[in-house]
């Protein structure tokens, strides 16, 4: 959660019923309800069987949609940091506060960005501006028995000092909404949140990999999590900015950080 006094306003545990999904966001066994209906109504009239299948389908989850990366794998830029994190900057939260000890590093494989969660509240921002683009992120919390309140985020169109921020909130089977502070028509910052719009939990439990994408096009920000769009913001007041991720007291891993610029 980016802003302490916004945490209670935005935080709620949206329980995910999507344990059957794969880490990439595609559901497994999407025909289970249909198959169960056929078995249960075996020997019934064709009309009753058709009704059973239709009812079973209406009770099932909507067919998941593929990520933008899966749908069109060409044209993406990998922005994974190098071992020394060159090209990325730590920014304190709130802005102007002193930074804690370094808590970000690349693992030995060079493929996973790790936040140990022991260096205070900060954001790690890529020092490249993006306007209309899709930011693809895969993340996983390190599960600690008995621990709760897992908290982190993903950013787009941030200012370099972190005073303007647009965040996808991610937790332990919770979150999946957008909130932040964006310039209003008068140039003054205004707070926004989409917590009330999110009706279906998509974020998986700590210890499981999640896939998330934020699409920024014009003034519209769209959040996709594990197979479905969860919410949208129609009045982003910043046309371009920095992308990044958040550290806030919990160990979390990020991989496959990619950006695709949109025409």
Protein backbone atom coordinates (compact mmCIF):
# COMPACT_ATOMS: atom_id res chain seq x y z
CA UNK A 1 0.00 0.00 0.00
CA UNK A 2 1.53 3.26 -1.07
CA UNK A 3 0.01 5.79 1.28
CA UNK A 4 -0.41 5.01 4.96
CA UNK A 5 -3.58 7.03 5.45
CA UNK A 6 -5.04 5.46 2.32
CA UNK A 7 -4.33 1.92 3.46
CA UNK A 8 -7.43 1.41 5.56
CA UNK A 9 -9.58 3.09 2.93
CA UNK A 10 -8.37 0.81 0.19
CA UNK A 11 -7.56 -2.45 1.96
CA UNK A 12 -9.96 -5.36 1.98
CA UNK A 13 -9.39 -9.06 1.61
CA UNK A 14 -10.99 -10.18 -1.62
CA UNK A 15 -10.82 -13.95 -1.41
CA UNK A 16 -9.77 -15.73 -4.56
CA UNK A 17 -11.65 -18.79 -5.72
CA UNK A 18 -9.25 -19.41 -8.54
CA UNK A 19 -6.93 -22.03 -7.07
CA UNK A 20 -7.29 -24.02 -10.26
CA UNK A 21 -5.50 -21.39 -12.32
CA UNK A 22 -2.01 -21.82 -13.64
CA UNK A 23 0.66 -19.21 -12.82
CA UNK A 24 0.23 -17.67 -16.25
CA UNK A 25 -3.44 -16.94 -15.62
CA UNK A 26 -5.12 -19.75 -17.62
CA UNK A 27 -7.65 -21.81 -15.70
CA UNK A 28 -7.38 -25.59 -15.55
CA UNK A 29 -10.40 -27.88 -15.95
CA UNK A 30 -12.73 -25.31 -17.45
CA UNK A 31 -15.13 -28.05 -18.61
CA UNK A 32 -15.47 -29.66 -15.19
CA UNK A 33 -19.01 -28.41 -14.52
CA UNK A 34 -20.20 -29.48 -17.95
CA UNK A 35 -18.71 -32.96 -17.54
CA UNK A 36 -20.23 -33.31 -14.07
CA UNK A 37 -23.65 -32.36 -15.42
CA UNK A 38 -23.39 -34.93 -18.20
CA UNK A 39 -22.46 -37.69 -15.73
CA UNK A 40 -25.17 -36.78 -13.23
CA UNK A 41 -27.91 -36.59 -15.87
CA UNK A 42 -26.81 -39.62 -17.87
CA UNK A 43 -29.89 -41.43 -19.18
CA UNK A 44 -32.13 -38.35 -18.97
CA UNK A 45 -33.92 -36.85 -21.94
CA UNK A 46 -31.81 -34.74 -24.31
CA UNK A 47 -33.79 -31.64 -23.33
CA UNK A 48 -33.11 -32.09 -19.61
CA UNK A 49 -29.48 -32.85 -20.29
CA UNK A 50 -29.11 -29.66 -22.34
CA UNK A 51 -30.75 -27.65 -19.54
CA UNK A 52 -28.38 -29.18 -16.98
CA UNK A 53 -25.35 -28.30 -19.06
CA UNK A 54 -26.55 -24.72 -19.60
CA UNK A 55 -27.23 -24.25 -15.89
CA UNK A 56 -23.86 -25.75 -14.98
CA UNK A 57 -22.14 -23.42 -17.42
CA UNK A 58 -23.91 -20.38 -15.99
CA UNK A 59 -22.65 -21.28 -12.51
CA UNK A 60 -19.04 -21.63 -13.63
CA UNK A 61 -16.42 -18.92 -13.80
CA UNK A 62 -16.10 -16.94 -17.00
CA UNK A 63 -13.56 -18.23 -19.45
CA UNK A 64 -10.24 -16.55 -18.59
CA UNK A 65 -8.70 -14.21 -21.12
CA UNK A 66 -5.03 -14.54 -22.04
CA UNK A 67 -2.53 -11.89 -21.05
CA UNK A 68 -1.39 -9.36 -23.63
CA UNK A 69 2.01 -11.09 -23.62
CA UNK A 70 0.39 -14.43 -24.44
CA UNK A 71 -1.90 -12.92 -27.08
CA UNK A 72 0.86 -11.05 -28.92
CA UNK A 73 4.37 -12.06 -27.81
CA UNK A 74 6.21 -9.79 -30.26
CA UNK A 75 7.25 -6.20 -29.63
CA UNK A 76 7.98 -6.48 -25.89
CA UNK A 77 10.97 -4.91 -24.12
CA UNK A 78 12.48 -6.72 -21.14
CA UNK A 79 13.23 -4.24 -18.38
CA UNK A 80 14.58 -6.70 -15.82
CA UNK A 81 17.35 -4.95 -13.85
CA UNK A 82 21.00 -6.00 -14.16
CA UNK A 83 22.82 -7.43 -11.16
CA UNK A 84 23.83 -3.97 -9.93
CA UNK A 85 20.29 -2.57 -10.47
CA UNK A 86 21.73 0.05 -12.80
CA UNK A 87 18.93 1.97 -14.52
CA UNK A 88 16.59 1.63 -11.56
CA UNK A 89 16.11 3.97 -8.59
CA UNK A 90 14.81 3.50 -5.06
CA UNK A 91 12.33 6.17 -4.05
CA UNK A 92 11.15 6.49 -0.43
CA UNK A 93 7.49 6.34 0.53
CA UNK A 94 6.33 8.92 1.36
CA UNK A 95 8.56 11.16 -0.79
CA UNK A 96 11.31 12.95 1.06
CA UNK A 97 11.66 10.39 3.84
CA UNK A 98 15.06 8.73 4.35
CA UNK A 99 15.57 5.38 2.63
CA UNK A 100 16.12 2.26 4.69
CA UNK A 101 18.84 -0.26 4.00
CA UNK A 102 19.09 -1.76 0.53
CA UNK A 103 16.49 -4.52 0.25
CA UNK A 104 16.45 -5.17 -3.52
CA UNK A 105 18.71 -7.53 -5.45
CA UNK A 106 18.72 -9.92 -8.41
CA UNK A 107 18.94 -13.62 -7.57
CA UNK A 108 21.85 -15.77 -8.74
CA UNK A 109 20.04 -16.78 -11.93
CA UNK A 110 19.68 -13.13 -12.92
CA UNK A 111 16.05 -13.78 -13.77
CA UNK A 112 14.26 -12.84 -10.53
CA UNK A 113 14.16 -9.49 -8.79
CA UNK A 114 13.91 -9.97 -5.04
CA UNK A 115 12.73 -7.57 -2.36
CA UNK A 116 13.71 -8.90 1.07
CA UNK A 117 11.15 -6.66 2.75
CA UNK A 118 13.53 -5.54 5.49
CA UNK A 119 14.51 -2.08 4.25
CA UNK A 120 11.43 0.02 4.88
CA UNK A 121 8.77 1.34 2.52
CA UNK A 122 9.97 2.25 -0.95
CA UNK A 123 9.34 1.92 -4.64
CA UNK A 124 11.88 0.65 -7.15
CA UNK A 125 11.37 2.54 -10.40
CA UNK A 126 12.79 1.92 -13.87
CA UNK A 127 14.46 5.13 -15.09
CA UNK A 128 12.71 5.08 -18.46
CA UNK A 129 9.50 6.93 -19.21
CA UNK A 130 6.62 5.15 -20.89
CA UNK A 131 3.39 6.66 -22.17
CA UNK A 132 0.82 4.41 -23.81
CA UNK A 133 2.07 0.93 -22.99
CA UNK A 134 1.37 -2.40 -21.29
CA UNK A 135 3.42 -3.30 -18.21
CA UNK A 136 3.62 -7.08 -17.65
CA UNK A 137 4.65 -8.36 -14.21
CA UNK A 138 4.80 -11.78 -12.56
CA UNK A 139 5.14 -11.91 -8.77
CA UNK A 140 5.16 -14.26 -5.80
CA UNK A 141 5.30 -13.60 -2.08
CA UNK A 142 7.52 -15.78 0.08
CA UNK A 143 5.02 -17.44 2.38
CA UNK A 144 5.84 -17.26 6.09
CA UNK A 145 3.76 -19.43 8.41
CA UNK A 146 1.73 -17.37 10.84
CA UNK A 147 2.34 -14.12 8.98
CA UNK A 148 -0.46 -12.05 7.44
CA UNK A 149 -1.00 -8.67 5.82
CA UNK A 150 1.20 -9.28 2.76
CA UNK A 151 1.48 -5.98 0.95
CA UNK A 152 3.10 -4.71 -2.24
CA UNK A 153 2.24 -3.02 -5.50
CA UNK A 154 3.00 -2.37 -9.15
CA UNK A 155 3.29 1.15 -10.60
CA UNK A 156 2.77 2.94 -13.91
CA UNK A 157 3.18 6.58 -14.94
CA UNK A 158 4.82 7.61 -11.68
CA UNK A 159 6.77 10.82 -11.24
CA UNK A 160 10.48 10.45 -10.53
CA UNK A 161 10.01 11.56 -6.89
CA UNK A 162 7.01 9.27 -6.33
CA UNK A 163 4.65 12.14 -5.51
CA UNK A 164 2.42 11.13 -8.45
CA UNK A 165 1.69 7.41 -8.41
CA UNK A 166 -0.74 4.95 -9.97
CA UNK A 167 -0.61 1.60 -8.20
CA UNK A 168 -2.05 -1.88 -8.61
CA UNK A 169 -2.45 -3.22 -5.08
CA UNK A 170 -1.42 -6.85 -4.50
CA UNK A 171 -1.68 -8.92 -1.33
CA UNK A 172 -2.20 -12.47 -0.10
CA UNK A 173 -5.29 -13.57 -2.08
CA UNK A 174 -6.31 -9.93 -1.82
CA UNK A 175 -6.03 -6.69 -3.74
CA UNK A 176 -6.31 -6.55 -7.50
CA UNK A 177 -7.43 -2.94 -7.63
CA UNK A 178 -5.99 0.40 -8.74
CA UNK A 179 -5.48 3.45 -6.56
CA UNK A 180 -3.13 6.39 -6.26
CA UNK A 181 -2.66 10.12 -6.61
CA UNK A 182 -2.94 11.65 -10.07
CA UNK A 183 -3.06 15.25 -11.32
CA UNK A 184 -6.57 16.66 -11.64
CA UNK A 185 -7.79 19.17 -14.27
CA UNK A 186 -6.59 22.00 -12.01
CA UNK A 187 -3.12 20.50 -11.75
CA UNK A 188 -3.60 19.55 -8.10
CA UNK A 189 -3.13 15.96 -6.95
CA UNK A 190 -6.27 13.99 -6.24
CA UNK A 191 -6.63 10.58 -4.65
CA UNK A 192 -8.53 7.79 -6.44
CA UNK A 193 -9.35 4.16 -5.70
CA UNK A 194 -11.28 1.37 -7.46
CA UNK A 195 -11.79 -0.86 -4.43
CA UNK A 196 -15.57 -0.75 -4.78
CA UNK A 197 -15.42 -1.80 -8.43
CA UNK A 198 -13.55 -5.06 -7.80
CA UNK A 199 -16.11 -7.81 -7.33
CA UNK A 200 -13.99 -10.89 -7.99
CA UNK A 201 -10.74 -11.73 -6.23
CA UNK A 202 -8.01 -12.70 -8.68
CA UNK A 203 -4.77 -12.48 -6.69
CA UNK A 204 -3.55 -15.86 -5.49
CA UNK A 205 -2.32 -16.80 -2.03
CA UNK A 206 1.21 -16.11 -0.83
CA UNK A 207 3.63 -18.69 -2.26
CA UNK A 208 1.96 -18.86 -5.69
CA UNK A 209 3.03 -17.05 -8.85
CA UNK A 210 0.65 -14.41 -10.20
CA UNK A 211 0.52 -12.63 -13.54
CA UNK A 212 -0.56 -8.98 -13.74
CA UNK A 213 -0.72 -6.41 -16.51
CA UNK A 214 -1.51 -2.71 -16.43
CA UNK A 215 -2.47 -1.18 -19.78
CA UNK A 216 -2.10 2.59 -20.02
CA UNK A 217 -3.73 4.12 -23.08
CA UNK A 218 -4.61 7.80 -23.16
CA UNK A 219 -6.22 8.65 -19.85
CA UNK A 220 -7.36 5.06 -19.22
CA UNK A 221 -5.59 2.55 -16.99
CA UNK A 222 -6.81 -1.06 -17.12
CA UNK A 223 -5.77 -3.76 -14.67
CA UNK A 224 -5.72 -7.44 -15.70
CA UNK A 225 -4.93 -10.10 -13.08
CA UNK A 226 -4.63 -13.86 -13.60
CA UNK A 227 -7.02 -14.17 -16.52
CA UNK A 228 -9.45 -11.26 -16.22
CA UNK A 229 -9.74 -7.48 -16.12
CA UNK A 230 -10.54 -6.43 -12.55
CA UNK A 231 -10.97 -2.66 -12.86
CA UNK A 232 -10.32 0.47 -14.88
CA UNK A 233 -9.49 4.12 -14.26
CA UNK A 234 -10.74 6.54 -16.92
CA UNK A 235 -9.08 9.80 -15.86
CA UNK A 236 -5.37 9.30 -15.30
CA UNK A 237 -3.93 12.80 -15.22
CA UNK A 238 -0.37 11.96 -16.27
CA UNK A 239 0.31 11.02 -19.91
CA UNK A 240 3.61 9.27 -19.22
CA UNK A 241 5.92 8.31 -16.38
CA UNK A 242 7.93 5.55 -14.73
CA UNK A 243 6.96 1.94 -14.07
CA UNK A 244 8.10 0.01 -11.02
CA UNK A 245 7.34 -2.18 -8.03
CA UNK A 246 6.89 -1.65 -4.30
CA UNK A 247 8.64 -2.90 -1.17
CA UNK A 248 6.69 -2.73 2.07
CA UNK A 249 7.81 -5.17 4.72
CA UNK A 250 7.31 -8.52 2.97
CA UNK A 251 9.62 -10.68 0.92
CA UNK A 252 8.42 -10.77 -2.68
CA UNK A 253 9.87 -11.90 -6.00
CA UNK A 254 9.26 -10.42 -9.44
CA UNK A 255 10.07 -11.93 -12.84
CA UNK A 256 9.41 -11.28 -16.54
CA UNK A 257 9.12 -7.51 -16.17
CA UNK A 258 8.26 -6.45 -19.70
CA UNK A 259 6.83 -3.38 -21.41
CA UNK A 260 5.15 -3.08 -24.79
CA UNK A 261 4.68 0.39 -26.20
CA UNK A 262 1.27 0.96 -27.82
CA UNK A 263 0.73 2.86 -31.08
